């Protein structure tokens, strides 16, 4: 899965640089770190055995995925 975001700042400035991270995952079992997100590309991958992500046992996961916007206050859109 890939997270994408678009910044309205001038791409030639540091304000247009975006970084991704996962701040919190719910539920936090079987591991609080079931997923990894590439901070530059936004690619999200699992880092636990697929057997631990049984849909009948855990029907859903939520991840808070904040984006940081370069050096400051530009606007960020994501999808």
N, C-alpha and C. Protein backbone atom coordinates (compact mmCIF):
# COMPACT_ATOMS: atom_id res chain seq x y z
N UNK A 1 0.85 -1.14 0.00
CA UNK A 1 0.00 0.00 0.00
C UNK A 1 0.91 1.22 0.00
N UNK A 2 0.49 2.27 -0.64
CA UNK A 2 1.27 3.51 -0.66
C UNK A 2 0.40 4.69 -0.23
N UNK A 3 0.92 5.45 0.70
CA UNK A 3 0.30 6.71 1.13
C UNK A 3 0.82 7.80 0.22
N UNK A 4 -0.05 8.64 -0.31
CA UNK A 4 0.40 9.75 -1.14
C UNK A 4 -0.11 11.06 -0.56
N UNK A 5 0.69 12.09 -0.69
CA UNK A 5 0.31 13.42 -0.24
C UNK A 5 0.83 14.43 -1.25
N UNK A 6 0.15 15.55 -1.32
CA UNK A 6 0.54 16.61 -2.24
C UNK A 6 0.65 17.91 -1.46
N UNK A 7 1.72 18.63 -1.70
CA UNK A 7 1.96 19.89 -1.00
C UNK A 7 1.86 21.03 -2.01
N UNK A 8 1.12 22.06 -1.65
CA UNK A 8 0.92 23.19 -2.55
C UNK A 8 2.10 24.15 -2.57
N UNK A 9 3.10 23.93 -1.71
CA UNK A 9 4.27 24.81 -1.69
C UNK A 9 5.10 24.64 -2.96
N UNK A 10 5.92 25.63 -3.25
CA UNK A 10 6.83 25.60 -4.40
C UNK A 10 7.76 24.39 -4.26
N UNK A 11 7.77 23.47 -5.25
CA UNK A 11 8.60 22.27 -5.15
C UNK A 11 10.10 22.56 -5.05
N UNK A 12 10.53 23.75 -5.38
CA UNK A 12 11.94 24.10 -5.30
C UNK A 12 12.36 24.51 -3.89
N UNK A 13 11.42 24.55 -2.94
CA UNK A 13 11.75 24.97 -1.57
C UNK A 13 11.68 23.79 -0.61
N UNK A 14 12.31 23.95 0.55
CA UNK A 14 12.28 22.90 1.58
C UNK A 14 10.87 22.68 2.13
N UNK A 15 9.99 23.66 2.01
CA UNK A 15 8.62 23.51 2.51
C UNK A 15 7.83 22.47 1.74
N UNK A 16 8.30 22.09 0.55
CA UNK A 16 7.58 21.10 -0.26
C UNK A 16 7.98 19.67 0.09
N UNK A 17 9.01 19.48 0.92
CA UNK A 17 9.44 18.14 1.30
C UNK A 17 8.43 17.52 2.27
N UNK A 18 8.02 16.30 1.98
CA UNK A 18 7.07 15.59 2.84
C UNK A 18 7.74 14.36 3.44
N UNK A 19 7.42 14.05 4.68
CA UNK A 19 7.91 12.85 5.35
C UNK A 19 6.71 12.17 6.01
N UNK A 20 6.69 10.85 5.95
CA UNK A 20 5.58 10.06 6.50
C UNK A 20 6.08 9.30 7.72
N UNK A 21 5.19 9.08 8.69
CA UNK A 21 5.48 8.16 9.79
C UNK A 21 4.16 7.67 10.37
N UNK A 22 4.24 6.57 11.09
CA UNK A 22 3.06 6.02 11.77
C UNK A 22 3.22 6.36 13.24
N UNK A 23 2.32 7.16 13.74
CA UNK A 23 2.39 7.61 15.12
C UNK A 23 1.77 6.60 16.08
N UNK A 24 0.70 5.93 15.65
CA UNK A 24 0.00 5.00 16.52
C UNK A 24 -0.73 3.97 15.67
N UNK A 25 -0.75 2.72 16.16
CA UNK A 25 -1.49 1.66 15.48
C UNK A 25 -2.50 1.07 16.46
N UNK A 26 -3.72 0.87 15.96
CA UNK A 26 -4.79 0.31 16.78
C UNK A 26 -5.41 -0.85 16.03
N UNK A 27 -5.50 -2.04 16.59
CA UNK A 27 -5.08 -2.43 17.93
C UNK A 27 -3.57 -2.56 18.01
N UNK A 28 -3.04 -2.59 19.23
CA UNK A 28 -1.59 -2.72 19.39
C UNK A 28 -1.16 -4.16 19.65
N UNK A 29 -2.06 -5.11 19.39
CA UNK A 29 -1.72 -6.53 19.53
C UNK A 29 -1.96 -7.21 18.20
N UNK A 30 -1.16 -8.10 17.76
CA UNK A 30 -0.13 -8.83 18.48
C UNK A 30 1.17 -8.05 18.68
N UNK A 31 1.31 -6.90 18.07
CA UNK A 31 2.53 -6.11 18.20
C UNK A 31 2.16 -4.64 18.01
N UNK A 32 2.78 -3.74 18.76
CA UNK A 32 2.49 -2.33 18.55
C UNK A 32 3.13 -1.78 17.28
N UNK A 33 3.98 -2.58 16.65
CA UNK A 33 4.66 -2.16 15.42
C UNK A 33 4.43 -3.19 14.32
N UNK A 34 3.18 -3.35 13.90
CA UNK A 34 2.85 -4.33 12.87
C UNK A 34 3.15 -3.82 11.47
N UNK A 35 3.27 -2.50 11.33
CA UNK A 35 3.46 -1.90 10.02
C UNK A 35 4.66 -0.96 10.04
N UNK A 36 5.26 -0.79 8.87
CA UNK A 36 6.35 0.16 8.69
C UNK A 36 5.97 1.04 7.51
N UNK A 37 6.25 2.32 7.59
CA UNK A 37 6.03 3.22 6.46
C UNK A 37 7.36 3.86 6.08
N UNK A 38 7.69 3.79 4.80
CA UNK A 38 8.91 4.43 4.30
C UNK A 38 8.71 5.94 4.45
N UNK A 39 9.58 6.62 5.19
CA UNK A 39 9.36 8.04 5.46
C UNK A 39 9.37 8.93 4.23
N UNK A 40 10.02 8.51 3.16
CA UNK A 40 10.10 9.35 1.96
C UNK A 40 9.09 8.94 0.89
N UNK A 41 8.89 7.64 0.68
CA UNK A 41 8.00 7.17 -0.39
C UNK A 41 6.56 7.00 0.06
N UNK A 42 6.34 6.73 1.35
CA UNK A 42 4.99 6.50 1.85
C UNK A 42 4.52 5.06 1.70
N UNK A 43 5.42 4.14 1.29
CA UNK A 43 5.04 2.73 1.17
C UNK A 43 4.81 2.14 2.55
N UNK A 44 3.68 1.45 2.73
CA UNK A 44 3.34 0.82 4.00
C UNK A 44 3.43 -0.69 3.82
N UNK A 45 4.19 -1.36 4.70
CA UNK A 45 4.35 -2.81 4.64
C UNK A 45 4.15 -3.40 6.03
N UNK A 46 3.80 -4.69 6.07
CA UNK A 46 3.69 -5.38 7.36
C UNK A 46 5.07 -5.86 7.77
N UNK A 47 5.31 -5.87 9.07
CA UNK A 47 6.60 -6.34 9.58
C UNK A 47 6.41 -7.49 10.57
N UNK A 48 5.21 -8.06 10.61
CA UNK A 48 4.95 -9.25 11.41
C UNK A 48 4.46 -10.34 10.47
N UNK A 49 4.45 -11.55 10.95
CA UNK A 49 3.97 -12.68 10.16
C UNK A 49 2.52 -12.45 9.73
N UNK A 50 2.19 -12.72 8.47
CA UNK A 50 0.80 -12.58 8.03
C UNK A 50 -0.17 -13.42 8.86
N UNK A 51 0.31 -14.52 9.45
CA UNK A 51 -0.55 -15.35 10.29
C UNK A 51 -1.05 -14.58 11.51
N UNK A 52 -0.31 -13.57 11.95
CA UNK A 52 -0.73 -12.77 13.11
C UNK A 52 -1.77 -11.72 12.74
N UNK A 53 -2.04 -11.57 11.45
CA UNK A 53 -3.02 -10.57 11.00
C UNK A 53 -4.27 -11.25 10.47
N UNK A 54 -4.72 -12.28 11.14
CA UNK A 54 -5.91 -13.04 10.76
C UNK A 54 -7.14 -12.15 10.82
N UNK A 55 -7.84 -12.01 9.70
CA UNK A 55 -9.00 -11.11 9.62
C UNK A 55 -10.14 -11.54 10.54
N UNK A 56 -10.30 -12.84 10.77
CA UNK A 56 -11.35 -13.29 11.69
C UNK A 56 -11.02 -12.92 13.13
N UNK A 57 -9.74 -12.88 13.46
CA UNK A 57 -9.31 -12.52 14.82
C UNK A 57 -9.30 -11.00 15.03
N UNK A 58 -8.84 -10.28 14.02
CA UNK A 58 -8.70 -8.82 14.10
C UNK A 58 -9.27 -8.22 12.82
N UNK A 59 -10.55 -7.85 12.84
CA UNK A 59 -11.21 -7.42 11.61
C UNK A 59 -10.70 -6.10 11.03
N UNK A 60 -9.93 -5.34 11.76
CA UNK A 60 -9.46 -4.08 11.20
C UNK A 60 -8.32 -3.48 11.99
N UNK A 61 -7.57 -2.63 11.34
CA UNK A 61 -6.49 -1.89 11.98
C UNK A 61 -6.62 -0.44 11.58
N UNK A 62 -6.22 0.44 12.46
CA UNK A 62 -6.17 1.86 12.13
C UNK A 62 -4.77 2.35 12.39
N UNK A 63 -4.30 3.22 11.52
CA UNK A 63 -2.98 3.80 11.66
C UNK A 63 -3.10 5.31 11.56
N UNK A 64 -2.51 6.02 12.49
CA UNK A 64 -2.44 7.47 12.38
C UNK A 64 -1.17 7.77 11.60
N UNK A 65 -1.33 8.45 10.45
CA UNK A 65 -0.22 8.66 9.54
C UNK A 65 0.02 10.15 9.33
N UNK A 66 0.65 10.78 10.27
CA UNK A 66 0.89 12.21 10.06
C UNK A 66 1.93 12.43 8.98
N UNK A 67 1.79 13.52 8.27
CA UNK A 67 2.78 13.94 7.30
C UNK A 67 3.43 15.19 7.84
N UNK A 68 4.74 15.29 7.74
CA UNK A 68 5.37 16.54 8.11
C UNK A 68 5.69 17.30 6.84
N UNK A 69 5.59 18.58 6.92
CA UNK A 69 5.69 19.45 5.75
C UNK A 69 6.97 20.27 5.82
N UNK A 70 8.05 19.76 5.24
CA UNK A 70 9.29 20.51 5.12
C UNK A 70 9.66 21.29 6.36
N UNK A 71 9.85 22.56 6.20
CA UNK A 71 10.28 23.42 7.29
C UNK A 71 9.13 24.11 8.01
N UNK A 72 7.91 23.94 7.52
CA UNK A 72 6.88 24.67 8.25
C UNK A 72 5.53 24.67 7.59
N UNK A 73 4.83 25.76 7.72
CA UNK A 73 3.40 25.90 7.62
C UNK A 73 2.72 25.83 6.28
N UNK A 74 3.18 25.06 5.31
CA UNK A 74 2.42 24.95 4.08
C UNK A 74 1.25 24.01 4.22
N UNK A 75 0.39 23.97 3.22
CA UNK A 75 -0.76 23.07 3.28
C UNK A 75 -0.41 21.73 2.67
N UNK A 76 -0.97 20.65 3.21
CA UNK A 76 -0.72 19.30 2.74
C UNK A 76 -2.05 18.65 2.45
N UNK A 77 -2.17 17.99 1.31
CA UNK A 77 -3.35 17.20 0.98
C UNK A 77 -2.90 15.76 0.83
N UNK A 78 -3.73 14.80 1.25
CA UNK A 78 -3.38 13.39 1.08
C UNK A 78 -4.59 12.63 0.62
N UNK A 79 -4.31 11.45 0.04
CA UNK A 79 -5.39 10.56 -0.36
C UNK A 79 -4.98 9.13 -0.16
